Amino acid sequence: MAKRPKPEEIVAKLRQADVLISQGQSVAEAIRAIGVTEVTYYRWRKEYGGLKSNQVRRMKDLETENARLRKAIADLTLDKLILQEAAQGNF
């Protein structure tokens, strides 16, 4: 299985495809030239289209931080529920 490209590499490939298309190549030819499937190209375009590589890096960092904070909230909520039940004598 091929390794998954980094977000910065994806943005670079999308830019490369844009250049090829602007030079008159068809979208299908540009997609072949960057070495991905049409499905992958359009998925990347949807997720990363219009972003610069530093913005992609920042977005991924924020998504990671968000996931960490969500887990912390879930853990704290569970702790609070356990303490509430213990205080009510339900154990």
PDB file of N, CA and C in Angstrom:
ATOM      1  N   MET A   1       0.845  -1.179   0.000  1.00  0.00           N
ATOM      2  CA  MET A   1       0.000   0.000   0.000  1.00  0.00           C
ATOM      3  C   MET A   1       0.889   1.240   0.000  1.00  0.00           C
ATOM      4  N   ALA A   2       0.577   2.218  -0.813  1.00  0.00           N
ATOM      5  CA  ALA A   2       1.370   3.431  -0.925  1.00  0.00           C
ATOM      6  C   ALA A   2       1.175   4.295   0.317  1.00  0.00           C
ATOM      7  N   LYS A   3       2.231   5.031   0.651  1.00  0.00           N
ATOM      8  CA  LYS A   3       2.105   5.905   1.824  1.00  0.00           C
ATOM      9  C   LYS A   3       1.201   7.085   1.485  1.00  0.00           C
ATOM     10  N   ARG A   4       0.529   7.558   2.490  1.00  0.00           N
ATOM     11  CA  ARG A   4      -0.397   8.677   2.313  1.00  0.00           C
ATOM     12  C   ARG A   4       0.408   9.979   2.245  1.00  0.00           C
ATOM     13  N   PRO A   5       0.152  10.806   1.224  1.00  0.00           N
ATOM     14  CA  PRO A   5       0.927  12.044   1.108  1.00  0.00           C
ATOM     15  C   PRO A   5       0.573  13.042   2.211  1.00  0.00           C
ATOM     16  N   LYS A   6       1.554  13.853   2.583  1.00  0.00           N
ATOM     17  CA  LYS A   6       1.334  14.896   3.587  1.00  0.00           C
ATOM     18  C   LYS A   6       0.463  15.986   2.968  1.00  0.00           C
ATOM     19  N   PRO A   7      -0.268  16.728   3.805  1.00  0.00           N
ATOM     20  CA  PRO A   7      -1.114  17.808   3.277  1.00  0.00           C
ATOM     21  C   PRO A   7      -0.359  18.787   2.376  1.00  0.00           C
ATOM     22  N   GLU A   8       0.889  19.085   2.745  1.00  0.00           N
ATOM     23  CA  GLU A   8       1.686  20.021   1.936  1.00  0.00           C
ATOM     24  C   GLU A   8       1.941  19.450   0.539  1.00  0.00           C
ATOM     25  N   GLU A   9       2.147  18.128   0.472  1.00  0.00           N
ATOM     26  CA  GLU A   9       2.376  17.468  -0.817  1.00  0.00           C
ATOM     27  C   GLU A   9       1.097  17.472  -1.654  1.00  0.00           C
ATOM     28  N   ILE A  10      -0.036  17.299  -0.986  1.00  0.00           N
ATOM     29  CA  ILE A  10      -1.320  17.330  -1.688  1.00  0.00           C
ATOM     30  C   ILE A  10      -1.549  18.699  -2.312  1.00  0.00           C
ATOM     31  N   VAL A  11      -1.301  19.748  -1.536  1.00  0.00           N
ATOM     32  CA  VAL A  11      -1.480  21.111  -2.056  1.00  0.00           C
ATOM     33  C   VAL A  11      -0.554  21.346  -3.240  1.00  0.00           C
ATOM     34  N   ALA A  12       0.680  20.855  -3.157  1.00  0.00           N
ATOM     35  CA  ALA A  12       1.630  21.025  -4.262  1.00  0.00           C
ATOM     36  C   ALA A  12       1.120  20.313  -5.520  1.00  0.00           C
ATOM     37  N   LYS A  13       0.575  19.106  -5.358  1.00  0.00           N
ATOM     38  CA  LYS A  13       0.044  18.374  -6.519  1.00  0.00           C
ATOM     39  C   LYS A  13      -1.171  19.093  -7.115  1.00  0.00           C
ATOM     40  N   LEU A  14      -2.034  19.631  -6.257  1.00  0.00           N
ATOM     41  CA  LEU A  14      -3.188  20.378  -6.760  1.00  0.00           C
ATOM     42  C   LEU A  14      -2.739  21.613  -7.538  1.00  0.00           C
ATOM     43  N   ARG A  15      -1.710  22.291  -7.033  1.00  0.00           N
ATOM     44  CA  ARG A  15      -1.175  23.473  -7.738  1.00  0.00           C
ATOM     45  C   ARG A  15      -0.598  23.052  -9.093  1.00  0.00           C
ATOM     46  N   GLN A  16       0.113  21.924  -9.095  1.00  0.00           N
ATOM     47  CA  GLN A  16       0.701  21.408 -10.333  1.00  0.00           C
ATOM     48  C   GLN A  16      -0.406  21.125 -11.356  1.00  0.00           C
ATOM     49  N   ALA A  17      -1.491  20.519 -10.906  1.00  0.00           N
ATOM     50  CA  ALA A  17      -2.620  20.243 -11.804  1.00  0.00           C
ATOM     51  C   ALA A  17      -3.218  21.545 -12.329  1.00  0.00           C
ATOM     52  N   ASP A  18      -3.352  22.546 -11.459  1.00  0.00           N
ATOM     53  CA  ASP A  18      -3.881  23.854 -11.888  1.00  0.00           C
ATOM     54  C   ASP A  18      -3.026  24.457 -12.992  1.00  0.00           C
ATOM     55  N   VAL A  19      -1.707  24.353 -12.827  1.00  0.00           N
ATOM     56  CA  VAL A  19      -0.788  24.896 -13.832  1.00  0.00           C
ATOM     57  C   VAL A  19      -0.985  24.169 -15.164  1.00  0.00           C
ATOM     58  N   LEU A  20      -1.045  22.842 -15.111  1.00  0.00           N
ATOM     59  CA  LEU A  20      -1.223  22.055 -16.340  1.00  0.00           C
ATOM     60  C   LEU A  20      -2.537  22.409 -17.033  1.00  0.00           C
ATOM     61  N   ILE A  21      -3.598  22.564 -16.247  1.00  0.00           N
ATOM     62  CA  ILE A  21      -4.900  22.910 -16.813  1.00  0.00           C
ATOM     63  C   ILE A  21      -4.848  24.306 -17.437  1.00  0.00           C
ATOM     64  N   SER A  22      -4.173  25.233 -16.751  1.00  0.00           N
ATOM     65  CA  SER A  22      -4.073  26.600 -17.290  1.00  0.00           C
ATOM     66  C   SER A  22      -3.235  26.638 -18.569  1.00  0.00           C
ATOM     67  N   GLN A  23      -2.382  25.623 -18.763  1.00  0.00           N
ATOM     68  CA  GLN A  23      -1.572  25.539 -19.986  1.00  0.00           C
ATOM     69  C   GLN A  23      -2.312  24.831 -21.110  1.00  0.00           C
ATOM     70  N   GLY A  24      -3.580  24.504 -20.871  1.00  0.00           N
ATOM     71  CA  GLY A  24      -4.386  23.945 -21.947  1.00  0.00           C
ATOM     72  C   GLY A  24      -4.640  22.450 -21.879  1.00  0.00           C
ATOM     73  N   GLN A  25      -4.065  21.774 -20.891  1.00  0.00           N
ATOM     74  CA  GLN A  25      -4.343  20.341 -20.775  1.00  0.00           C
ATOM     75  C   GLN A  25      -5.756  20.141 -20.229  1.00  0.00           C
ATOM     76  N   SER A  26      -6.352  19.009 -20.554  1.00  0.00           N
ATOM     77  CA  SER A  26      -7.666  18.698 -19.983  1.00  0.00           C
ATOM     78  C   SER A  26      -7.475  18.321 -18.512  1.00  0.00           C
ATOM     79  N   VAL A  27      -8.563  18.388 -17.777  1.00  0.00           N
ATOM     80  CA  VAL A  27      -8.508  18.009 -16.357  1.00  0.00           C
ATOM     81  C   VAL A  27      -8.049  16.558 -16.233  1.00  0.00           C
ATOM     82  N   ALA A  28      -8.581  15.687 -17.097  1.00  0.00           N
ATOM     83  CA  ALA A  28      -8.204  14.264 -17.046  1.00  0.00           C
ATOM     84  C   ALA A  28      -6.706  14.082 -17.277  1.00  0.00           C
ATOM     85  N   GLU A  29      -6.138  14.818 -18.228  1.00  0.00           N
ATOM     86  CA  GLU A  29      -4.691  14.727 -18.498  1.00  0.00           C
ATOM     87  C   GLU A  29      -3.883  15.233 -17.307  1.00  0.00           C
ATOM     88  N   ALA A  30      -4.341  16.334 -16.717  1.00  0.00           N
ATOM     89  CA  ALA A  30      -3.642  16.903 -15.558  1.00  0.00           C
ATOM     90  C   ALA A  30      -3.674  15.934 -14.378  1.00  0.00           C
ATOM     91  N   ILE A  31      -4.821  15.295 -14.168  1.00  0.00           N
ATOM     92  CA  ILE A  31      -4.959  14.327 -13.075  1.00  0.00           C
ATOM     93  C   ILE A  31      -4.001  13.159 -13.289  1.00  0.00           C
ATOM     94  N   ARG A  32      -3.935  12.662 -14.533  1.00  0.00           N
ATOM     95  CA  ARG A  32      -2.994  11.576 -14.846  1.00  0.00           C
ATOM     96  C   ARG A  32      -1.555  12.019 -14.604  1.00  0.00           C
ATOM     97  N   ALA A  33      -1.249  13.259 -14.978  1.00  0.00           N
ATOM     98  CA  ALA A  33       0.120  13.770 -14.847  1.00  0.00           C
ATOM     99  C   ALA A  33       0.569  13.854 -13.383  1.00  0.00           C
ATOM    100  N   ILE A  34      -0.349  14.161 -12.474  1.00  0.00           N
ATOM    101  CA  ILE A  34       0.049  14.234 -11.055  1.00  0.00           C
ATOM    102  C   ILE A  34      -0.030  12.869 -10.378  1.00  0.00           C
ATOM    103  N   GLY A  35      -0.520  11.860 -11.115  1.00  0.00           N
ATOM    104  CA  GLY A  35      -0.449  10.482 -10.633  1.00  0.00           C
ATOM    105  C   GLY A  35      -1.465  10.088  -9.592  1.00  0.00           C
ATOM    106  N   VAL A  36      -2.679  10.619  -9.683  1.00  0.00           N
ATOM    107  CA  VAL A  36      -3.736  10.212  -8.756  1.00  0.00           C
ATOM    108  C   VAL A  36      -4.986   9.844  -9.550  1.00  0.00           C
ATOM    109  N   THR A  37      -5.944   9.224  -8.864  1.00  0.00           N
ATOM    110  CA  THR A  37      -7.202   8.903  -9.523  1.00  0.00           C
ATOM    111  C   THR A  37      -8.089  10.143  -9.540  1.00  0.00           C
ATOM    112  N   GLU A  38      -9.086  10.102 -10.388  1.00  0.00           N
ATOM    113  CA  GLU A  38     -10.022  11.229 -10.476  1.00  0.00           C
ATOM    114  C   GLU A  38     -10.748  11.431  -9.156  1.00  0.00           C
ATOM    115  N   VAL A  39     -11.131  10.325  -8.511  1.00  0.00           N
ATOM    116  CA  VAL A  39     -11.824  10.407  -7.217  1.00  0.00           C
ATOM    117  C   VAL A  39     -10.937  11.112  -6.184  1.00  0.00           C
ATOM    118  N   THR A  40      -9.667  10.713  -6.140  1.00  0.00           N
ATOM    119  CA  THR A  40      -8.727  11.321  -5.198  1.00  0.00           C
ATOM    120  C   THR A  40      -8.555  12.808  -5.484  1.00  0.00           C
ATOM    121  N   TYR A  41      -8.399  13.141  -6.760  1.00  0.00           N
ATOM    122  CA  TYR A  41      -8.223  14.550  -7.150  1.00  0.00           C
ATOM    123  C   TYR A  41      -9.390  15.403  -6.644  1.00  0.00           C
ATOM    124  N   TYR A  42     -10.615  14.962  -6.905  1.00  0.00           N
ATOM    125  CA  TYR A  42     -11.768  15.764  -6.502  1.00  0.00           C
ATOM    126  C   TYR A  42     -11.958  15.781  -4.986  1.00  0.00           C
ATOM    127  N   ARG A  43     -11.583  14.695  -4.309  1.00  0.00           N
ATOM    128  CA  ARG A  43     -11.645  14.685  -2.836  1.00  0.00           C
ATOM    129  C   ARG A  43     -10.640  15.681  -2.271  1.00  0.00           C
ATOM    130  N   TRP A  44      -9.411  15.653  -2.825  1.00  0.00           N
ATOM    131  CA  TRP A  44      -8.392  16.617  -2.388  1.00  0.00           C
ATOM    132  C   TRP A  44      -8.836  18.040  -2.686  1.00  0.00           C
ATOM    133  N   ARG A  45      -9.390  18.238  -3.869  1.00  0.00           N
ATOM    134  CA  ARG A  45      -9.821  19.580  -4.268  1.00  0.00           C
ATOM    135  C   ARG A  45     -10.862  20.101  -3.279  1.00  0.00           C
ATOM    136  N   LYS A  46     -11.784  19.217  -2.883  1.00  0.00           N
ATOM    137  CA  LYS A  46     -12.832  19.608  -1.930  1.00  0.00           C
ATOM    138  C   LYS A  46     -12.236  19.961  -0.569  1.00  0.00           C
ATOM    139  N   GLU A  47     -11.267  19.143  -0.130  1.00  0.00           N
ATOM    140  CA  GLU A  47     -10.707  19.344   1.210  1.00  0.00           C
ATOM    141  C   GLU A  47      -9.649  20.444   1.262  1.00  0.00           C
ATOM    142  N   TYR A  48      -8.794  20.503   0.227  1.00  0.00           N
ATOM    143  CA  TYR A  48      -7.643  21.402   0.290  1.00  0.00           C
ATOM    144  C   TYR A  48      -7.668  22.522  -0.738  1.00  0.00           C
ATOM    145  N   GLY A  49      -8.634  22.536  -1.621  1.00  0.00           N
ATOM    146  CA  GLY A  49      -8.648  23.529  -2.686  1.00  0.00           C
ATOM    147  C   GLY A  49      -8.608  24.951  -2.150  1.00  0.00           C
ATOM    148  N   GLY A  50      -7.744  25.768  -2.699  1.00  0.00           N
ATOM    149  CA  GLY A  50      -7.662  27.169  -2.299  1.00  0.00           C
ATOM    150  C   GLY A  50      -6.797  27.443  -1.084  1.00  0.00           C
ATOM    151  N   LEU A  51      -6.270  26.404  -0.448  1.00  0.00           N
ATOM    152  CA  LEU A  51      -5.422  26.616   0.723  1.00  0.00           C
ATOM    153  C   LEU A  51      -3.957  26.640   0.317  1.00  0.00           C
ATOM    154  N   LYS A  52      -3.184  27.445   1.037  1.00  0.00           N
ATOM    155  CA  LYS A  52      -1.727  27.417   0.889  1.00  0.00           C
ATOM    156  C   LYS A  52      -1.188  26.381   1.869  1.00  0.00           C
ATOM    157  N   SER A  53       0.029  25.882   1.614  1.00  0.00           N
ATOM    158  CA  SER A  53       0.533  24.774   2.425  1.00  0.00           C
ATOM    159  C   SER A  53       0.648  25.142   3.906  1.00  0.00           C
ATOM    160  N   ASN A  54       1.002  26.402   4.229  1.00  0.00           N
ATOM    161  CA  ASN A  54       1.086  26.763   5.654  1.00  0.00           C
ATOM    162  C   ASN A  54      -0.305  26.782   6.299  1.00  0.00           C
ATOM    163  N   GLN A  55      -1.345  27.117   5.510  1.00  0.00           N
ATOM    164  CA  GLN A  55      -2.709  27.087   6.039  1.00  0.00           C
ATOM    165  C   GLN A  55      -3.157  25.649   6.279  1.00  0.00           C
ATOM    166  N   VAL A  56      -2.751  24.742   5.397  1.00  0.00           N
ATOM    167  CA  VAL A  56      -3.096  23.328   5.560  1.00  0.00           C
ATOM    168  C   VAL A  56      -2.453  22.790   6.828  1.00  0.00           C
ATOM    169  N   ARG A  57      -1.183  23.122   7.034  1.00  0.00           N
ATOM    170  CA  ARG A  57      -0.468  22.657   8.233  1.00  0.00           C
ATOM    171  C   ARG A  57      -1.193  23.165   9.484  1.00  0.00           C
ATOM    172  N   ARG A  58      -1.573  24.438   9.475  1.00  0.00           N
ATOM    173  CA  ARG A  58      -2.274  25.035  10.620  1.00  0.00           C
ATOM    174  C   ARG A  58      -3.629  24.349  10.837  1.00  0.00           C
ATOM    175  N   MET A  59      -4.354  24.088   9.729  1.00  0.00           N
ATOM    176  CA  MET A  59      -5.650  23.427   9.825  1.00  0.00           C
ATOM    177  C   MET A  59      -5.497  22.045  10.466  1.00  0.00           C
ATOM    178  N   LYS A  60      -4.493  21.279  10.033  1.00  0.00           N
ATOM    179  CA  LYS A  60      -4.272  19.941  10.585  1.00  0.00           C
ATOM    180  C   LYS A  60      -3.892  20.025  12.069  1.00  0.00           C
ATOM    181  N   ASP A  61      -3.069  21.014  12.439  1.00  0.00           N
ATOM    182  CA  ASP A  61      -2.708  21.201  13.848  1.00  0.00           C
ATOM    183  C   ASP A  61      -3.950  21.494  14.684  1.00  0.00           C
ATOM    184  N   LEU A  62      -4.828  22.348  14.162  1.00  0.00           N
ATOM    185  CA  LEU A  62      -6.053  22.686  14.886  1.00  0.00           C
ATOM    186  C   LEU A  62      -6.983  21.481  15.010  1.00  0.00           C
ATOM    187  N   GLU A  63      -7.063  20.660  13.966  1.00  0.00           N
ATOM    188  CA  GLU A  63      -7.891  19.455  14.037  1.00  0.00           C
ATOM    189  C   GLU A  63      -7.364  18.490  15.095  1.00  0.00           C
ATOM    190  N   THR A  64      -6.050  18.361  15.187  1.00  0.00           N
ATOM    191  CA  THR A  64      -5.436  17.495  16.197  1.00  0.00           C
ATOM    192  C   THR A  64      -5.734  18.027  17.599  1.00  0.00           C
ATOM    193  N   GLU A  65      -5.573  19.336  17.784  1.00  0.00           N
ATOM    194  CA  GLU A  65      -5.851  19.961  19.081  1.00  0.00           C
ATOM    195  C   GLU A  65      -7.327  19.803  19.443  1.00  0.00           C
ATOM    196  N   ASN A  66      -8.204  19.979  18.465  1.00  0.00           N
ATOM    197  CA  ASN A  66      -9.643  19.811  18.690  1.00  0.00           C
ATOM    198  C   ASN A  66      -9.965  18.411  19.184  1.00  0.00           C
ATOM    199  N   ALA A  67      -9.378  17.412  18.551  1.00  0.00           N
ATOM    200  CA  ALA A  67      -9.610  16.019  18.948  1.00  0.00           C
ATOM    201  C   ALA A  67      -9.129  15.789  20.377  1.00  0.00           C
ATOM    202  N   ARG A  68      -7.971  16.358  20.711  1.00  0.00           N
ATOM    203  CA  ARG A  68      -7.426  16.205  22.069  1.00  0.00           C
ATOM    204  C   ARG A  68      -8.364  16.841  23.095  1.00  0.00           C
ATOM    205  N   LEU A  69      -8.866  18.044  22.774  1.00  0.00           N
ATOM    206  CA  LEU A  69      -9.761  18.745  23.702  1.00  0.00           C
ATOM    207  C   LEU A  69     -11.098  18.019  23.844  1.00  0.00           C
ATOM    208  N   ARG A  70     -11.621  17.468  22.743  1.00  0.00           N
ATOM    209  CA  ARG A  70     -12.874  16.713  22.813  1.00  0.00           C
ATOM    210  C   ARG A  70     -12.734  15.506  23.740  1.00  0.00           C
ATOM    211  N   LYS A  71     -11.580  14.823  23.636  1.00  0.00           N
ATOM    212  CA  LYS A  71     -11.345  13.661  24.489  1.00  0.00           C
ATOM    213  C   LYS A  71     -11.262  14.091  25.952  1.00  0.00           C
ATOM    214  N   ALA A  72     -10.589  15.208  26.205  1.00  0.00           N
ATOM    215  CA  ALA A  72     -10.466  15.705  27.578  1.00  0.00           C
ATOM    216  C   ALA A  72     -11.844  16.048  28.151  1.00  0.00           C
ATOM    217  N   ILE A  73     -12.688  16.680  27.338  1.00  0.00           N
ATOM    218  CA  ILE A  73     -14.036  17.027  27.796  1.00  0.00           C
ATOM    219  C   ILE A  73     -14.830  15.767  28.096  1.00  0.00           C
ATOM    220  N   ALA A  74     -14.728  14.771  27.224  1.00  0.00           N
ATOM    221  CA  ALA A  74     -15.458  13.514  27.440  1.00  0.00           C
ATOM    222  C   ALA A  74     -15.001  12.858  28.744  1.00  0.00           C
ATOM    223  N   ASP A  75     -13.696  12.844  28.978  1.00  0.00           N
ATOM    224  CA  ASP A  75     -13.162  12.246  30.210  1.00  0.00           C
ATOM    225  C   ASP A  75     -13.659  12.998  31.439  1.00  0.00           C
ATOM    226  N   LEU A  76     -13.627  14.340  31.386  1.00  0.00           N
ATOM    227  CA  LEU A  76     -14.069  15.147  32.528  1.00  0.00           C
ATOM    228  C   LEU A  76     -15.565  14.993  32.772  1.00  0.00           C
ATOM    229  N   THR A  77     -16.348  14.911  31.712  1.00  0.00           N
ATOM    230  CA  THR A  77     -17.796  14.724  31.846  1.00  0.00           C
ATOM    231  C   THR A  77     -18.089  13.391  32.516  1.00  0.00           C
ATOM    232  N   LEU A  78     -17.369  12.349  32.108  1.00  0.00           N
ATOM    233  CA  LEU A  78     -17.551  11.031  32.714  1.00  0.00           C
ATOM    234  C   LEU A  78     -17.181  11.070  34.199  1.00  0.00           C
ATOM    235  N   ASP A  79     -16.045  11.720  34.524  1.00  0.00           N
ATOM    236  CA  ASP A  79     -15.633  11.848  35.931  1.00  0.00           C
ATOM    237  C   ASP A  79     -16.711  12.564  36.746  1.00  0.00           C
ATOM    238  N   LYS A  80     -17.284  13.628  36.182  1.00  0.00           N
ATOM    239  CA  LYS A  80     -18.311  14.401  36.882  1.00  0.00           C
ATOM    240  C   LYS A  80     -19.547  13.540  37.141  1.00  0.00           C
ATOM    241  N   LEU A  81     -19.968  12.776  36.145  1.00  0.00           N
ATOM    242  CA  LEU A  81     -21.142  11.910  36.313  1.00  0.00           C
ATOM    243  C   LEU A  81     -20.907  10.853  37.389  1.00  0.00           C
ATOM    244  N   ILE A  82     -19.695  10.284  37.397  1.00  0.00           N
ATOM    245  CA  ILE A  82     -19.360   9.275  38.415  1.00  0.00           C
ATOM    246  C   ILE A  82     -19.406   9.896  39.808  1.00  0.00           C
ATOM    247  N   LEU A  83     -18.847  11.100  39.944  1.00  0.00           N
ATOM    248  CA  LEU A  83     -18.845  11.777  41.251  1.00  0.00           C
ATOM    249  C   LEU A  83     -20.260  12.134  41.694  1.00  0.00           C
ATOM    250  N   GLN A  84     -21.105  12.565  40.731  1.00  0.00           N
ATOM    251  CA  GLN A  84     -22.495  12.891  41.084  1.00  0.00           C
ATOM    252  C   GLN A  84     -23.230  11.657  41.593  1.00  0.00           C
ATOM    253  N   GLU A  85     -23.027  10.531  40.908  1.00  0.00           N
ATOM    254  CA  GLU A  85     -23.681   9.296  41.340  1.00  0.00           C
ATOM    255  C   GLU A  85     -23.170   8.856  42.716  1.00  0.00           C
ATOM    256  N   ALA A  86     -21.863   8.990  42.921  1.00  0.00           N
ATOM    257  CA  ALA A  86     -21.282   8.610  44.216  1.00  0.00           C
ATOM    258  C   ALA A  86     -21.845   9.500  45.323  1.00  0.00           C
ATOM    259  N   ALA A  87     -22.011  10.799  45.034  1.00  0.00           N
ATOM    260  CA  ALA A  87     -22.524  11.730  46.042  1.00  0.00           C
ATOM    261  C   ALA A  87     -23.980  11.415  46.387  1.00  0.00           C
ATOM    262  N   GLN A  88     -24.715  10.848  45.448  1.00  0.00           N
ATOM    263  CA  GLN A  88     -26.128  10.512  45.685  1.00  0.00           C
ATOM    264  C   GLN A  88     -26.266   9.129  46.317  1.00  0.00           C
ATOM    265  N   GLY A  89     -25.173   8.429  46.512  1.00  0.00           N
ATOM    266  CA  GLY A  89     -25.196   7.116  47.127  1.00  0.00           C
ATOM    267  C   GLY A  89     -25.700   6.015  46.220  1.00  0.00           C
ATOM    268  N   ASN A  90     -25.489   6.183  44.902  1.00  0.00           N
ATOM    269  CA  ASN A  90     -25.967   5.162  43.965  1.00  0.00           C
ATOM    270  C   ASN A  90     -24.980   4.038  43.751  1.00  0.00           C
ATOM    271  N   PHE A  91     -23.860   4.063  44.456  1.00  0.00           N
ATOM    272  CA  PHE A  91     -22.865   3.004  44.245  1.00  0.00           C
ATOM    273  C   PHE A  91     -23.023   1.889  45.212  1.00  0.00           C
TER     274      PHE A  91
END
